[in-house]
All heavy atoms as atom14 arrays in JSON, in Angstrom:
{
  "sequence": "GIGHMVGAGIYVLTGTVAKEIAGPWIIMSFMLAGAASMLAALC",
  "atom14_mask": [
    [1, 1, 1, 1, 0, 0, 0, 0, 0, 0, 0, 0, 0, 0],
    [1, 1, 1, 1, 1, 1, 1, 1, 0, 0, 0, 0, 0, 0],
    [1, 1, 1, 1, 0, 0, 0, 0, 0, 0, 0, 0, 0, 0],
    [1, 1, 1, 1, 1, 1, 1, 1, 1, 1, 0, 0, 0, 0],
    [1, 1, 1, 1, 1, 1, 1, 1, 0, 0, 0, 0, 0, 0],
    [1, 1, 1, 1, 1, 1, 1, 0, 0, 0, 0, 0, 0, 0],
    [1, 1, 1, 1, 0, 0, 0, 0, 0, 0, 0, 0, 0, 0],
    [1, 1, 1, 1, 1, 0, 0, 0, 0, 0, 0, 0, 0, 0],
    [1, 1, 1, 1, 0, 0, 0, 0, 0, 0, 0, 0, 0, 0],
    [1, 1, 1, 1, 1, 1, 1, 1, 0, 0, 0, 0, 0, 0],
    [1, 1, 1, 1, 1, 1, 1, 1, 1, 1, 1, 1, 0, 0],
    [1, 1, 1, 1, 1, 1, 1, 0, 0, 0, 0, 0, 0, 0],
    [1, 1, 1, 1, 1, 1, 1, 1, 0, 0, 0, 0, 0, 0],
    [1, 1, 1, 1, 1, 1, 1, 0, 0, 0, 0, 0, 0, 0],
    [1, 1, 1, 1, 0, 0, 0, 0, 0, 0, 0, 0, 0, 0],
    [1, 1, 1, 1, 1, 1, 1, 0, 0, 0, 0, 0, 0, 0],
    [1, 1, 1, 1, 1, 1, 1, 0, 0, 0, 0, 0, 0, 0],
    [1, 1, 1, 1, 1, 0, 0, 0, 0, 0, 0, 0, 0, 0],
    [1, 1, 1, 1, 1, 1, 1, 1, 1, 0, 0, 0, 0, 0],
    [1, 1, 1, 1, 1, 1, 1, 1, 1, 0, 0, 0, 0, 0],
    [1, 1, 1, 1, 1, 1, 1, 1, 0, 0, 0, 0, 0, 0],
    [1, 1, 1, 1, 1, 0, 0, 0, 0, 0, 0, 0, 0, 0],
    [1, 1, 1, 1, 0, 0, 0, 0, 0, 0, 0, 0, 0, 0],
    [1, 1, 1, 1, 1, 1, 1, 0, 0, 0, 0, 0, 0, 0],
    [1, 1, 1, 1, 1, 1, 1, 1, 1, 1, 1, 1, 1, 1],
    [1, 1, 1, 1, 1, 1, 1, 1, 0, 0, 0, 0, 0, 0],
    [1, 1, 1, 1, 1, 1, 1, 1, 0, 0, 0, 0, 0, 0],
    [1, 1, 1, 1, 1, 1, 1, 1, 0, 0, 0, 0, 0, 0],
    [1, 1, 1, 1, 1, 1, 0, 0, 0, 0, 0, 0, 0, 0],
    [1, 1, 1, 1, 1, 1, 1, 1, 1, 1, 1, 0, 0, 0],
    [1, 1, 1, 1, 1, 1, 1, 1, 0, 0, 0, 0, 0, 0],
    [1, 1, 1, 1, 1, 1, 1, 1, 0, 0, 0, 0, 0, 0],
    [1, 1, 1, 1, 1, 0, 0, 0, 0, 0, 0, 0, 0, 0],
    [1, 1, 1, 1, 0, 0, 0, 0, 0, 0, 0, 0, 0, 0],
    [1, 1, 1, 1, 1, 0, 0, 0, 0, 0, 0, 0, 0, 0],
    [1, 1, 1, 1, 1, 0, 0, 0, 0, 0, 0, 0, 0, 0],
    [1, 1, 1, 1, 1, 1, 0, 0, 0, 0, 0, 0, 0, 0],
    [1, 1, 1, 1, 1, 1, 1, 1, 0, 0, 0, 0, 0, 0],
    [1, 1, 1, 1, 1, 1, 1, 1, 0, 0, 0, 0, 0, 0],
    [1, 1, 1, 1, 1, 0, 0, 0, 0, 0, 0, 0, 0, 0],
    [1, 1, 1, 1, 1, 0, 0, 0, 0, 0, 0, 0, 0, 0],
    [1, 1, 1, 1, 1, 1, 1, 1, 0, 0, 0, 0, 0, 0],
    [1, 1, 1, 1, 1, 1, 0, 0, 0, 0, 0, 0, 0, 0]
  ],
  "atom14_positions": [
    [[-3.39, 9.05, 3.45], [-3.34, 7.97, 2.47], [-2.96, 8.45, 1.09], [-2.14, 7.84, 0.4], [0.0, 0.0, 0.0], [0.0, 0.0, 0.0], [0.0, 0.0, 0.0], [0.0, 0.0, 0.0], [0.0, 0.0, 0.0], [0.0, 0.0, 0.0], [0.0, 0.0, 0.0], [0.0, 0.0, 0.0], [0.0, 0.0, 0.0], [0.0, 0.0, 0.0]],
    [[-3.56, 9.58, 0.65], [-3.23, 10.12, -0.67], [-1.75, 10.52, -0.73], [-1.05, 10.21, -1.7], [-4.12, 11.34, -0.99], [-5.58, 10.9, -1.14], [-3.64, 12.04, -2.26], [-6.55, 12.05, -1.31], [0.0, 0.0, 0.0], [0.0, 0.0, 0.0], [0.0, 0.0, 0.0], [0.0, 0.0, 0.0], [0.0, 0.0, 0.0], [0.0, 0.0, 0.0]],
    [[-1.28, 11.19, 0.3], [0.12, 11.62, 0.33], [1.09, 10.46, 0.31], [2.15, 10.53, -0.31], [0.0, 0.0, 0.0], [0.0, 0.0, 0.0], [0.0, 0.0, 0.0], [0.0, 0.0, 0.0], [0.0, 0.0, 0.0], [0.0, 0.0, 0.0], [0.0, 0.0, 0.0], [0.0, 0.0, 0.0], [0.0, 0.0, 0.0], [0.0, 0.0, 0.0]],
    [[0.71, 9.35, 0.97], [1.59, 8.18, 1.01], [1.67, 7.51, -0.35], [2.71, 6.97, -0.74], [1.07, 7.18, 2.05], [2.09, 6.16, 2.45], [1.9, 5.28, 3.48], [3.33, 5.88, 1.96], [2.96, 4.5, 3.6], [3.83, 4.84, 2.69], [0.0, 0.0, 0.0], [0.0, 0.0, 0.0], [0.0, 0.0, 0.0], [0.0, 0.0, 0.0]],
    [[0.58, 7.54, -1.11], [0.56, 6.87, -2.41], [1.08, 7.75, -3.54], [1.79, 7.28, -4.43], [-0.87, 6.41, -2.73], [-1.32, 5.21, -1.93], [-2.96, 4.61, -2.41], [-4.01, 5.77, -1.53], [0.0, 0.0, 0.0], [0.0, 0.0, 0.0], [0.0, 0.0, 0.0], [0.0, 0.0, 0.0], [0.0, 0.0, 0.0], [0.0, 0.0, 0.0]],
    [[0.71, 9.02, -3.55], [1.08, 9.9, -4.66], [2.37, 10.61, -4.3], [2.37, 11.69, -3.72], [-0.04, 10.92, -4.95], [0.35, 11.8, -6.13], [-1.34, 10.21, -5.24], [0.0, 0.0, 0.0], [0.0, 0.0, 0.0], [0.0, 0.0, 0.0], [0.0, 0.0, 0.0], [0.0, 0.0, 0.0], [0.0, 0.0, 0.0], [0.0, 0.0, 0.0]],
    [[3.47, 10.0, -4.64], [4.77, 10.59, -4.32], [5.74, 10.36, -5.46], [5.53, 10.8, -6.59], [0.0, 0.0, 0.0], [0.0, 0.0, 0.0], [0.0, 0.0, 0.0], [0.0, 0.0, 0.0], [0.0, 0.0, 0.0], [0.0, 0.0, 0.0], [0.0, 0.0, 0.0], [0.0, 0.0, 0.0], [0.0, 0.0, 0.0], [0.0, 0.0, 0.0]],
    [[6.81, 9.63, -5.15], [7.85, 9.4, -6.15], [7.3, 8.64, -7.36], [7.76, 8.83, -8.49], [9.01, 8.63, -5.52], [0.0, 0.0, 0.0], [0.0, 0.0, 0.0], [0.0, 0.0, 0.0], [0.0, 0.0, 0.0], [0.0, 0.0, 0.0], [0.0, 0.0, 0.0], [0.0, 0.0, 0.0], [0.0, 0.0, 0.0], [0.0, 0.0, 0.0]],
    [[6.32, 7.77, -7.14], [5.8, 6.96, -8.23], [5.25, 7.76, -9.39], [5.48, 7.43, -10.56], [0.0, 0.0, 0.0], [0.0, 0.0, 0.0], [0.0, 0.0, 0.0], [0.0, 0.0, 0.0], [0.0, 0.0, 0.0], [0.0, 0.0, 0.0], [0.0, 0.0, 0.0], [0.0, 0.0, 0.0], [0.0, 0.0, 0.0], [0.0, 0.0, 0.0]],
    [[4.54, 8.83, -9.1], [3.9, 9.61, -10.15], [4.91, 10.31, -11.03], [4.68, 10.52, -12.23], [2.91, 10.63, -9.54], [1.94, 11.17, -10.62], [3.64, 11.78, -8.88], [0.93, 10.19, -11.04], [0.0, 0.0, 0.0], [0.0, 0.0, 0.0], [0.0, 0.0, 0.0], [0.0, 0.0, 0.0], [0.0, 0.0, 0.0], [0.0, 0.0, 0.0]],
    [[6.06, 10.67, -10.48], [7.06, 11.43, -11.24], [8.16, 10.55, -11.83], [8.83, 10.96, -12.77], [7.69, 12.5, -10.34], [6.68, 13.51, -9.84], [6.17, 13.43, -8.55], [6.22, 14.53, -10.67], [5.23, 14.35, -8.09], [5.29, 15.45, -10.23], [4.79, 15.35, -8.93], [3.85, 16.25, -8.48], [0.0, 0.0, 0.0], [0.0, 0.0, 0.0]],
    [[8.35, 9.36, -11.27], [9.42, 8.48, -11.74], [8.84, 7.28, -12.49], [9.25, 6.96, -13.61], [10.29, 7.99, -10.55], [11.37, 7.04, -11.04], [10.9, 9.18, -9.83], [0.0, 0.0, 0.0], [0.0, 0.0, 0.0], [0.0, 0.0, 0.0], [0.0, 0.0, 0.0], [0.0, 0.0, 0.0], [0.0, 0.0, 0.0], [0.0, 0.0, 0.0]],
    [[7.87, 6.62, -11.88], [7.33, 5.38, -12.43], [6.6, 5.6, -13.75], [6.7, 4.8, -14.68], [6.37, 4.75, -11.41], [5.81, 3.37, -11.75], [6.93, 2.36, -11.75], [4.74, 2.98, -10.76], [0.0, 0.0, 0.0], [0.0, 0.0, 0.0], [0.0, 0.0, 0.0], [0.0, 0.0, 0.0], [0.0, 0.0, 0.0], [0.0, 0.0, 0.0]],
    [[5.87, 6.71, -13.87], [5.04, 6.96, -15.05], [5.88, 6.98, -16.33], [5.53, 6.35, -17.33], [4.29, 8.3, -14.9], [3.52, 8.27, -13.71], [3.39, 8.54, -16.09], [0.0, 0.0, 0.0], [0.0, 0.0, 0.0], [0.0, 0.0, 0.0], [0.0, 0.0, 0.0], [0.0, 0.0, 0.0], [0.0, 0.0, 0.0], [0.0, 0.0, 0.0]],
    [[6.98, 7.7, -16.32], [7.82, 7.78, -17.51], [8.44, 6.45, -17.89], [8.49, 6.09, -19.08], [0.0, 0.0, 0.0], [0.0, 0.0, 0.0], [0.0, 0.0, 0.0], [0.0, 0.0, 0.0], [0.0, 0.0, 0.0], [0.0, 0.0, 0.0], [0.0, 0.0, 0.0], [0.0, 0.0, 0.0], [0.0, 0.0, 0.0], [0.0, 0.0, 0.0]],
    [[8.88, 5.69, -16.91], [9.51, 4.39, -17.17], [8.53, 3.42, -17.8], [8.83, 2.75, -18.8], [10.07, 3.8, -15.86], [11.0, 4.72, -15.3], [10.75, 2.47, -16.12], [0.0, 0.0, 0.0], [0.0, 0.0, 0.0], [0.0, 0.0, 0.0], [0.0, 0.0, 0.0], [0.0, 0.0, 0.0], [0.0, 0.0, 0.0], [0.0, 0.0, 0.0]],
    [[7.34, 3.29, -17.22], [6.33, 2.35, -17.73], [5.85, 2.77, -19.11], [5.68, 1.93, -20.01], [5.14, 2.25, -16.75], [4.05, 1.36, -17.33], [5.61, 1.69, -15.41], [0.0, 0.0, 0.0], [0.0, 0.0, 0.0], [0.0, 0.0, 0.0], [0.0, 0.0, 0.0], [0.0, 0.0, 0.0], [0.0, 0.0, 0.0], [0.0, 0.0, 0.0]],
    [[5.64, 4.07, -19.32], [5.13, 4.55, -20.61], [6.12, 4.28, -21.74], [5.74, 3.86, -22.83], [4.82, 6.04, -20.52], [0.0, 0.0, 0.0], [0.0, 0.0, 0.0], [0.0, 0.0, 0.0], [0.0, 0.0, 0.0], [0.0, 0.0, 0.0], [0.0, 0.0, 0.0], [0.0, 0.0, 0.0], [0.0, 0.0, 0.0], [0.0, 0.0, 0.0]],
    [[7.4, 4.5, -21.5], [8.37, 4.33, -22.58], [8.79, 2.88, -22.79], [8.89, 2.41, -23.93], [9.63, 5.17, -22.29], [10.67, 5.06, -23.4], [11.83, 6.0, -23.19], [12.8, 5.89, -24.37], [13.93, 6.83, -24.25], [0.0, 0.0, 0.0], [0.0, 0.0, 0.0], [0.0, 0.0, 0.0], [0.0, 0.0, 0.0], [0.0, 0.0, 0.0]],
    [[9.01, 2.15, -21.72], [9.63, 0.84, -21.83], [8.65, -0.33, -21.83], [9.02, -1.44, -22.21], [10.64, 0.65, -20.69], [11.76, 1.69, -20.71], [12.71, 1.54, -19.54], [12.5, 0.62, -18.72], [13.65, 2.33, -19.44], [0.0, 0.0, 0.0], [0.0, 0.0, 0.0], [0.0, 0.0, 0.0], [0.0, 0.0, 0.0], [0.0, 0.0, 0.0]],
    [[7.41, -0.11, -21.39], [6.5, -1.25, -21.25], [5.2, -1.08, -22.02], [4.88, -1.86, -22.91], [6.17, -1.52, -19.76], [7.46, -1.79, -18.97], [5.23, -2.7, -19.63], [7.25, -1.98, -17.49], [0.0, 0.0, 0.0], [0.0, 0.0, 0.0], [0.0, 0.0, 0.0], [0.0, 0.0, 0.0], [0.0, 0.0, 0.0], [0.0, 0.0, 0.0]],
    [[4.43, -0.05, -21.69], [3.05, 0.01, -22.16], [2.73, 1.12, -23.14], [1.65, 1.09, -23.76], [2.11, 0.12, -20.95], [0.0, 0.0, 0.0], [0.0, 0.0, 0.0], [0.0, 0.0, 0.0], [0.0, 0.0, 0.0], [0.0, 0.0, 0.0], [0.0, 0.0, 0.0], [0.0, 0.0, 0.0], [0.0, 0.0, 0.0], [0.0, 0.0, 0.0]],
    [[3.57, 2.11, -23.29], [3.25, 3.21, -24.19], [1.99, 3.94, -23.73], [1.73, 4.06, -22.53], [0.0, 0.0, 0.0], [0.0, 0.0, 0.0], [0.0, 0.0, 0.0], [0.0, 0.0, 0.0], [0.0, 0.0, 0.0], [0.0, 0.0, 0.0], [0.0, 0.0, 0.0], [0.0, 0.0, 0.0], [0.0, 0.0, 0.0], [0.0, 0.0, 0.0]],
    [[1.15, 4.39, -24.68], [-0.1, 5.06, -24.29], [-1.06, 4.16, -23.52], [-1.97, 4.65, -22.86], [-0.7, 5.47, -25.64], [0.46, 5.54, -26.57], [1.39, 4.47, -26.12], [0.0, 0.0, 0.0], [0.0, 0.0, 0.0], [0.0, 0.0, 0.0], [0.0, 0.0, 0.0], [0.0, 0.0, 0.0], [0.0, 0.0, 0.0], [0.0, 0.0, 0.0]],
    [[-0.84, 2.84, -23.63], [-1.69, 1.91, -22.88], [-1.42, 1.96, -21.38], [-2.03, 1.21, -20.62], [-1.47, 0.48, -23.39], [-1.91, 0.26, -24.8], [-1.12, 0.14, -25.9], [-3.25, 0.13, -25.26], [-1.87, -0.04, -27.02], [-3.2, -0.06, -26.67], [-4.5, 0.17, -24.64], [-4.33, -0.21, -27.45], [-5.64, 0.02, -25.43], [-5.55, -0.16, -26.8]],
    [[-0.53, 2.82, -20.96], [-0.26, 2.96, -19.53], [-1.52, 3.36, -18.77], [-1.68, 3.07, -17.58], [0.86, 4.01, -19.3], [1.27, 4.04, -17.82], [0.42, 5.39, -19.77], [2.44, 4.96, -17.54], [0.0, 0.0, 0.0], [0.0, 0.0, 0.0], [0.0, 0.0, 0.0], [0.0, 0.0, 0.0], [0.0, 0.0, 0.0], [0.0, 0.0, 0.0]],
    [[-2.46, 4.0, -19.47], [-3.73, 4.36, -18.83], [-4.45, 3.1, -18.37], [-4.95, 3.02, -17.24], [-4.61, 5.17, -19.81], [-3.93, 6.48, -20.18], [-5.99, 5.41, -19.23], [-4.68, 7.28, -21.22], [0.0, 0.0, 0.0], [0.0, 0.0, 0.0], [0.0, 0.0, 0.0], [0.0, 0.0, 0.0], [0.0, 0.0, 0.0], [0.0, 0.0, 0.0]],
    [[-4.52, 2.09, -19.26], [-5.16, 0.83, -18.89], [-4.38, 0.12, -17.79], [-4.96, -0.52, -16.91], [-5.26, -0.06, -20.13], [-6.2, 0.45, -21.2], [-7.91, 0.57, -20.58], [-8.24, -1.15, -20.17], [0.0, 0.0, 0.0], [0.0, 0.0, 0.0], [0.0, 0.0, 0.0], [0.0, 0.0, 0.0], [0.0, 0.0, 0.0], [0.0, 0.0, 0.0]],
    [[-3.05, 0.22, -17.83], [-2.23, -0.42, -16.79], [-2.54, 0.16, -15.42], [-2.69, -0.58, -14.44], [-0.74, -0.23, -17.12], [-0.39, -0.91, -18.3], [0.0, 0.0, 0.0], [0.0, 0.0, 0.0], [0.0, 0.0, 0.0], [0.0, 0.0, 0.0], [0.0, 0.0, 0.0], [0.0, 0.0, 0.0], [0.0, 0.0, 0.0], [0.0, 0.0, 0.0]],
    [[-2.65, 1.48, -15.34], [-2.97, 2.1, -14.06], [-4.39, 1.76, -13.62], [-4.66, 1.63, -12.41], [-2.79, 3.61, -14.15], [-1.42, 4.08, -13.79], [-0.63, 4.75, -14.73], [-0.9, 3.86, -12.53], [0.65, 5.18, -14.4], [0.39, 4.28, -12.19], [1.16, 4.95, -13.14], [0.0, 0.0, 0.0], [0.0, 0.0, 0.0], [0.0, 0.0, 0.0]],
    [[-5.32, 1.62, -14.57], [-6.68, 1.24, -14.21], [-6.73, -0.16, -13.63], [-7.37, -0.4, -12.6], [-7.59, 1.32, -15.44], [-7.95, 2.72, -15.87], [-9.08, 2.7, -17.3], [-9.37, 4.46, -17.51], [0.0, 0.0, 0.0], [0.0, 0.0, 0.0], [0.0, 0.0, 0.0], [0.0, 0.0, 0.0], [0.0, 0.0, 0.0], [0.0, 0.0, 0.0]],
    [[-6.04, -1.11, -14.28], [-6.03, -2.49, -13.79], [-5.34, -2.58, -12.43], [-5.81, -3.27, -11.52], [-5.33, -3.4, -14.8], [-6.09, -3.66, -16.11], [-5.24, -4.51, -17.05], [-7.41, -4.36, -15.83], [0.0, 0.0, 0.0], [0.0, 0.0, 0.0], [0.0, 0.0, 0.0], [0.0, 0.0, 0.0], [0.0, 0.0, 0.0], [0.0, 0.0, 0.0]],
    [[-4.21, -1.89, -12.3], [-3.5, -1.91, -11.02], [-4.35, -1.27, -9.93], [-4.39, -1.75, -8.79], [-2.17, -1.17, -11.15], [0.0, 0.0, 0.0], [0.0, 0.0, 0.0], [0.0, 0.0, 0.0], [0.0, 0.0, 0.0], [0.0, 0.0, 0.0], [0.0, 0.0, 0.0], [0.0, 0.0, 0.0], [0.0, 0.0, 0.0], [0.0, 0.0, 0.0]],
    [[-5.06, -0.19, -10.28], [-5.94, 0.44, -9.31], [-7.09, -0.45, -8.89], [-7.48, -0.49, -7.72], [0.0, 0.0, 0.0], [0.0, 0.0, 0.0], [0.0, 0.0, 0.0], [0.0, 0.0, 0.0], [0.0, 0.0, 0.0], [0.0, 0.0, 0.0], [0.0, 0.0, 0.0], [0.0, 0.0, 0.0], [0.0, 0.0, 0.0], [0.0, 0.0, 0.0]],
    [[-7.65, -1.2, -9.85], [-8.75, -2.12, -9.53], [-8.26, -3.22, -8.59], [-8.94, -3.59, -7.62], [-9.32, -2.72, -10.81], [0.0, 0.0, 0.0], [0.0, 0.0, 0.0], [0.0, 0.0, 0.0], [0.0, 0.0, 0.0], [0.0, 0.0, 0.0], [0.0, 0.0, 0.0], [0.0, 0.0, 0.0], [0.0, 0.0, 0.0], [0.0, 0.0, 0.0]],
    [[-7.07, -3.78, -8.88], [-6.51, -4.82, -8.01], [-6.23, -4.28, -6.62], [-6.48, -4.95, -5.61], [-5.23, -5.38, -8.63], [0.0, 0.0, 0.0], [0.0, 0.0, 0.0], [0.0, 0.0, 0.0], [0.0, 0.0, 0.0], [0.0, 0.0, 0.0], [0.0, 0.0, 0.0], [0.0, 0.0, 0.0], [0.0, 0.0, 0.0], [0.0, 0.0, 0.0]],
    [[-5.74, -3.06, -6.54], [-5.45, -2.45, -5.24], [-6.74, -2.15, -4.48], [-6.79, -2.28, -3.26], [-4.65, -1.16, -5.43], [-3.43, -1.42, -6.08], [0.0, 0.0, 0.0], [0.0, 0.0, 0.0], [0.0, 0.0, 0.0], [0.0, 0.0, 0.0], [0.0, 0.0, 0.0], [0.0, 0.0, 0.0], [0.0, 0.0, 0.0], [0.0, 0.0, 0.0]],
    [[-7.79, -1.76, -5.21], [-9.05, -1.45, -4.56], [-9.66, -2.69, -3.9], [-10.28, -2.6, -2.84], [-10.04, -0.87, -5.58], [-11.4, -0.5, -4.98], [-11.31, 0.81, -3.73], [-11.26, 2.27, -4.77], [0.0, 0.0, 0.0], [0.0, 0.0, 0.0], [0.0, 0.0, 0.0], [0.0, 0.0, 0.0], [0.0, 0.0, 0.0], [0.0, 0.0, 0.0]],
    [[-9.46, -3.87, -4.5], [-9.96, -5.1, -3.89], [-9.35, -5.3, -2.51], [-10.04, -5.63, -1.54], [-9.64, -6.29, -4.8], [-10.33, -6.33, -6.17], [-9.8, -7.5, -6.98], [-11.84, -6.43, -6.01], [0.0, 0.0, 0.0], [0.0, 0.0, 0.0], [0.0, 0.0, 0.0], [0.0, 0.0, 0.0], [0.0, 0.0, 0.0], [0.0, 0.0, 0.0]],
    [[-8.03, -5.12, -2.43], [-7.36, -5.26, -1.13], [-7.76, -4.12, -0.2], [-7.92, -4.33, 1.01], [-5.85, -5.28, -1.33], [0.0, 0.0, 0.0], [0.0, 0.0, 0.0], [0.0, 0.0, 0.0], [0.0, 0.0, 0.0], [0.0, 0.0, 0.0], [0.0, 0.0, 0.0], [0.0, 0.0, 0.0], [0.0, 0.0, 0.0], [0.0, 0.0, 0.0]],
    [[-7.93, -2.92, -0.73], [-8.28, -1.76, 0.1], [-9.64, -1.94, 0.76], [-9.85, -1.53, 1.91], [-8.26, -0.49, -0.75], [0.0, 0.0, 0.0], [0.0, 0.0, 0.0], [0.0, 0.0, 0.0], [0.0, 0.0, 0.0], [0.0, 0.0, 0.0], [0.0, 0.0, 0.0], [0.0, 0.0, 0.0], [0.0, 0.0, 0.0], [0.0, 0.0, 0.0]],
    [[-10.6, -2.55, 0.05], [-11.92, -2.8, 0.64], [-11.81, -3.74, 1.83], [-12.5, -3.57, 2.85], [-12.85, -3.39, -0.42], [-13.28, -2.45, -1.56], [-14.08, -3.22, -2.61], [-14.1, -1.29, -1.02], [0.0, 0.0, 0.0], [0.0, 0.0, 0.0], [0.0, 0.0, 0.0], [0.0, 0.0, 0.0], [0.0, 0.0, 0.0], [0.0, 0.0, 0.0]],
    [[-10.94, -4.75, 1.71], [-10.74, -5.68, 2.84], [-10.11, -4.96, 4.02], [-10.5, -5.19, 5.18], [-9.86, -6.85, 2.39], [-10.58, -7.87, 1.08], [0.0, 0.0, 0.0], [0.0, 0.0, 0.0], [0.0, 0.0, 0.0], [0.0, 0.0, 0.0], [0.0, 0.0, 0.0], [0.0, 0.0, 0.0], [0.0, 0.0, 0.0], [0.0, 0.0, 0.0]]
  ]
}
């Protein structure tokens, strides 16, 4: 599961979101996205 999730996204997505969308607030973006994903993961 970890290998499937931590791949291209960590090296490509992080830079794009930080520069073009959220800046340093990308930390909060990943927290919110992780919380939403955890809800589905529990199910």
